[in-house]
């Protein structure tokens, strides 16, 4: 199934409430934000915070090309920024607009709003892997990668109930993203398409 935007490590498609995953994550109900450890925390960029019971893991190696490595880093931060907005229940976070522009910004806002309206958030761990990055000139890049949502789960804000649906092929998603470097040197995600259940990302 192809969707316009599935940027996050959530256990499903927002308001649809289709959680993915196998074993239930640790029974932690803490929602105290903790800063994500990113290279941006000391460079004047927004500090992105996650609750203690949710985590994104990004698996990629630096290429040695400064522009490609910056695009990869900012691509991961764009993912974190969407999840942070979900956790905070607000689309008015600093990082969301910092790491997104154009169609990706409007799509990410709509995506977060679906979570807010459904009173959903997520817990657990989502893994991002098989990164590929290509440059187009000095200011455009294309990053593709997979996600494994088998250990992340939707959680209802009001009840605290965690959906614990078993892992399926739908737990794996292929993402194709376009990024543009703005005047401040930030590689903003401008477009995202995804293919849930992609054979390329299956274990």
Protein backbone atom coordinates (compact mmCIF):
# COMPACT_ATOMS: atom_id res chain seq x y z
CA UNK A 1 0.00 0.00 0.00
CA UNK A 2 1.39 3.38 -0.93
CA UNK A 3 0.60 6.39 1.21
CA UNK A 4 1.36 10.06 0.82
CA UNK A 5 3.16 10.27 4.12
CA UNK A 6 4.20 7.86 6.82
CA UNK A 7 7.12 9.68 8.31
CA UNK A 8 7.14 8.32 11.81
CA UNK A 9 8.05 5.25 13.76
CA UNK A 10 4.52 4.84 14.98
CA UNK A 11 2.93 1.45 15.16
CA UNK A 12 0.38 2.25 12.50
CA UNK A 13 -1.27 4.89 10.36
CA UNK A 14 -2.33 7.45 12.92
CA UNK A 15 -6.07 7.70 13.31
CA UNK A 16 -6.57 4.34 11.68
CA UNK A 17 -5.13 2.80 14.84
CA UNK A 18 -3.47 -0.13 13.11
CA UNK A 19 -0.60 -0.91 15.46
CA UNK A 20 2.25 -3.05 14.29
CA UNK A 21 4.66 -5.17 16.27
CA UNK A 22 5.20 -8.33 18.24
CA UNK A 23 6.15 -8.33 21.91
CA UNK A 24 4.76 -5.62 24.13
CA UNK A 25 7.41 -3.00 25.02
CA UNK A 26 8.40 -2.44 28.61
CA UNK A 27 5.50 -1.41 30.78
CA UNK A 28 6.65 2.15 31.22
CA UNK A 29 4.00 4.82 31.44
CA UNK A 30 6.41 7.69 31.91
CA UNK A 31 5.91 10.56 29.49
CA UNK A 32 8.69 12.76 30.84
CA UNK A 33 10.41 14.25 27.79
CA UNK A 34 14.09 13.46 27.43
CA UNK A 35 16.29 15.19 24.85
CA UNK A 36 17.25 13.05 21.89
CA UNK A 37 20.99 12.84 21.50
CA UNK A 38 21.60 14.50 18.15
CA UNK A 39 24.42 16.50 16.64
CA UNK A 40 22.08 19.48 16.43
CA UNK A 41 21.74 20.01 20.17
CA UNK A 42 24.86 22.16 20.37
CA UNK A 43 24.61 23.96 17.04
CA UNK A 44 21.72 26.33 17.70
CA UNK A 45 19.15 24.02 16.17
CA UNK A 46 15.93 22.95 17.90
CA UNK A 47 16.38 20.35 20.62
CA UNK A 48 14.01 17.47 19.94
CA UNK A 49 12.59 15.64 22.96
CA UNK A 50 11.01 12.19 23.19
CA UNK A 51 9.20 10.50 26.08
CA UNK A 52 11.22 7.82 27.84
CA UNK A 53 9.15 4.95 26.41
CA UNK A 54 9.74 5.73 22.71
CA UNK A 55 12.85 5.60 20.59
CA UNK A 56 13.95 5.87 16.96
CA UNK A 57 17.12 4.06 15.91
CA UNK A 58 18.84 5.17 12.71
CA UNK A 59 21.32 2.75 11.18
CA UNK A 60 23.58 4.26 8.55
CA UNK A 61 27.27 4.87 8.00
CA UNK A 62 28.76 8.20 7.07
CA UNK A 63 29.75 8.42 3.43
CA UNK A 64 32.71 10.75 3.84
CA UNK A 65 30.99 13.30 1.60
CA UNK A 66 30.09 16.33 3.73
CA UNK A 67 26.92 17.20 1.81
CA UNK A 68 25.62 13.63 1.75
CA UNK A 69 26.33 13.16 5.44
CA UNK A 70 24.56 16.42 6.31
CA UNK A 71 21.53 15.36 4.25
CA UNK A 72 21.43 11.99 6.01
CA UNK A 73 21.64 13.61 9.44
CA UNK A 74 18.91 16.14 8.70
CA UNK A 75 16.74 13.39 7.19
CA UNK A 76 16.80 11.56 10.52
CA UNK A 77 16.02 14.77 12.38
CA UNK A 78 13.01 15.39 10.15
CA UNK A 79 11.65 11.99 11.20
CA UNK A 80 12.26 12.80 14.85
CA UNK A 81 10.57 16.17 14.48
CA UNK A 82 7.32 14.58 13.30
CA UNK A 83 7.35 12.12 16.17
CA UNK A 84 8.06 14.91 18.65
CA UNK A 85 4.97 16.76 17.39
CA UNK A 86 2.91 13.59 17.92
CA UNK A 87 4.27 13.18 21.44
CA UNK A 88 3.54 16.82 22.31
CA UNK A 89 0.13 16.74 20.65
CA UNK A 90 0.91 19.90 18.71
CA UNK A 91 1.87 20.88 15.16
CA UNK A 92 3.31 24.16 16.46
CA UNK A 93 6.69 22.73 17.44
CA UNK A 94 9.87 24.49 16.40
CA UNK A 95 11.51 21.45 14.83
CA UNK A 96 8.61 20.43 12.57
CA UNK A 97 8.87 23.57 10.42
CA UNK A 98 12.63 23.66 10.79
CA UNK A 99 13.19 20.31 9.07
CA UNK A 100 10.25 20.34 6.62
CA UNK A 101 9.18 22.57 3.75
CA UNK A 102 6.79 22.59 0.83
CA UNK A 103 4.56 19.53 0.39
CA UNK A 104 6.32 17.56 3.13
CA UNK A 105 5.50 20.25 5.68
CA UNK A 106 1.78 20.34 4.91
CA UNK A 107 1.64 16.55 4.76
CA UNK A 108 3.45 16.15 8.07
CA UNK A 109 1.06 18.61 9.74
CA UNK A 110 -1.93 16.66 8.43
CA UNK A 111 -0.31 13.42 9.60
CA UNK A 112 0.27 14.71 13.14
CA UNK A 113 -3.27 16.11 13.29
CA UNK A 114 -4.66 12.64 12.62
CA UNK A 115 -2.87 11.40 15.71
CA UNK A 116 -4.08 14.34 17.78
CA UNK A 117 -7.71 13.85 16.71
CA UNK A 118 -7.52 10.13 17.49
CA UNK A 119 -5.90 10.78 20.89
CA UNK A 120 -3.04 8.52 19.84
CA UNK A 121 0.68 8.49 20.44
CA UNK A 122 3.16 5.60 20.24
CA UNK A 123 5.63 3.66 22.35
CA UNK A 124 8.47 1.25 21.69
CA UNK A 125 11.27 1.38 19.17
CA UNK A 126 11.35 1.94 15.42
CA UNK A 127 14.45 1.06 13.42
CA UNK A 128 15.45 2.89 10.22
CA UNK A 129 17.97 1.17 7.93
CA UNK A 130 19.23 0.54 4.37
CA UNK A 131 19.92 4.22 3.72
CA UNK A 132 20.85 5.44 0.26
CA UNK A 133 21.59 9.08 -0.57
CA UNK A 134 22.15 10.83 -3.88
CA UNK A 135 22.92 14.48 -4.57
CA UNK A 136 21.53 16.61 -7.36
CA UNK A 137 23.64 19.75 -7.68
CA UNK A 138 24.61 21.66 -4.57
CA UNK A 139 21.24 22.01 -2.91
CA UNK A 140 19.10 18.95 -3.62
CA UNK A 141 19.31 15.40 -2.32
CA UNK A 142 17.30 12.21 -2.45
CA UNK A 143 17.33 9.82 0.50
CA UNK A 144 15.69 6.40 0.53
CA UNK A 145 15.47 4.09 3.53
CA UNK A 146 13.43 1.39 5.24
CA UNK A 147 11.70 1.29 8.59
CA UNK A 148 10.96 -1.62 10.89
CA UNK A 149 7.90 -0.87 13.05
CA UNK A 150 7.59 -4.37 14.50
CA UNK A 151 8.56 -3.13 17.96
CA UNK A 152 6.55 0.10 18.03
CA UNK A 153 2.92 0.34 19.12
CA UNK A 154 0.06 2.81 19.15
CA UNK A 155 -0.90 4.08 22.58
CA UNK A 156 -4.12 5.89 23.51
CA UNK A 157 -3.42 9.09 25.43
CA UNK A 158 -6.57 8.93 27.54
CA UNK A 159 -6.64 5.26 28.50
CA UNK A 160 -2.94 4.45 28.27
CA UNK A 161 -3.88 1.28 26.39
CA UNK A 162 -1.19 -0.02 24.05
CA UNK A 163 -2.22 -1.91 20.91
CA UNK A 164 -0.12 -5.03 20.58
CA UNK A 165 -0.87 -6.40 17.15
CA UNK A 166 1.51 -9.04 15.81
CA UNK A 167 4.20 -8.10 13.33
CA UNK A 168 3.36 -8.57 9.64
CA UNK A 169 4.82 -7.55 6.29
CA UNK A 170 2.99 -4.25 6.79
CA UNK A 171 5.37 -3.45 9.67
CA UNK A 172 8.09 -2.65 7.12
CA UNK A 173 8.01 0.53 5.04
CA UNK A 174 10.13 1.88 2.19
CA UNK A 175 10.54 5.67 2.14
CA UNK A 176 11.64 7.89 -0.73
CA UNK A 177 12.35 11.48 0.25
CA UNK A 178 13.50 14.65 -1.44
CA UNK A 179 15.47 17.28 0.46
CA UNK A 180 16.58 20.82 -0.33
CA UNK A 181 19.29 22.79 1.45
CA UNK A 182 18.01 26.19 2.55
CA UNK A 183 19.94 29.43 3.03
CA UNK A 184 20.85 28.44 6.59
CA UNK A 185 22.37 25.17 5.41
CA UNK A 186 19.57 22.95 6.73
CA UNK A 187 18.58 20.03 4.52
CA UNK A 188 14.81 20.29 4.72
CA UNK A 189 12.62 17.39 3.64
CA UNK A 190 10.37 18.70 0.86
CA UNK A 191 8.60 15.54 -0.30
CA UNK A 192 7.99 12.02 1.05
CA UNK A 193 6.41 8.93 -0.46
CA UNK A 194 6.18 5.55 1.22
CA UNK A 195 5.46 1.96 0.31
CA UNK A 196 4.18 -0.01 3.28
CA UNK A 197 4.87 -3.72 3.05
CA UNK A 198 7.63 -3.18 0.49
CA UNK A 199 9.47 -6.38 -0.36
CA UNK A 200 12.75 -4.46 -0.34
CA UNK A 201 12.47 -3.86 3.41
CA UNK A 202 11.33 -7.30 4.56
CA UNK A 203 13.68 -9.21 6.90
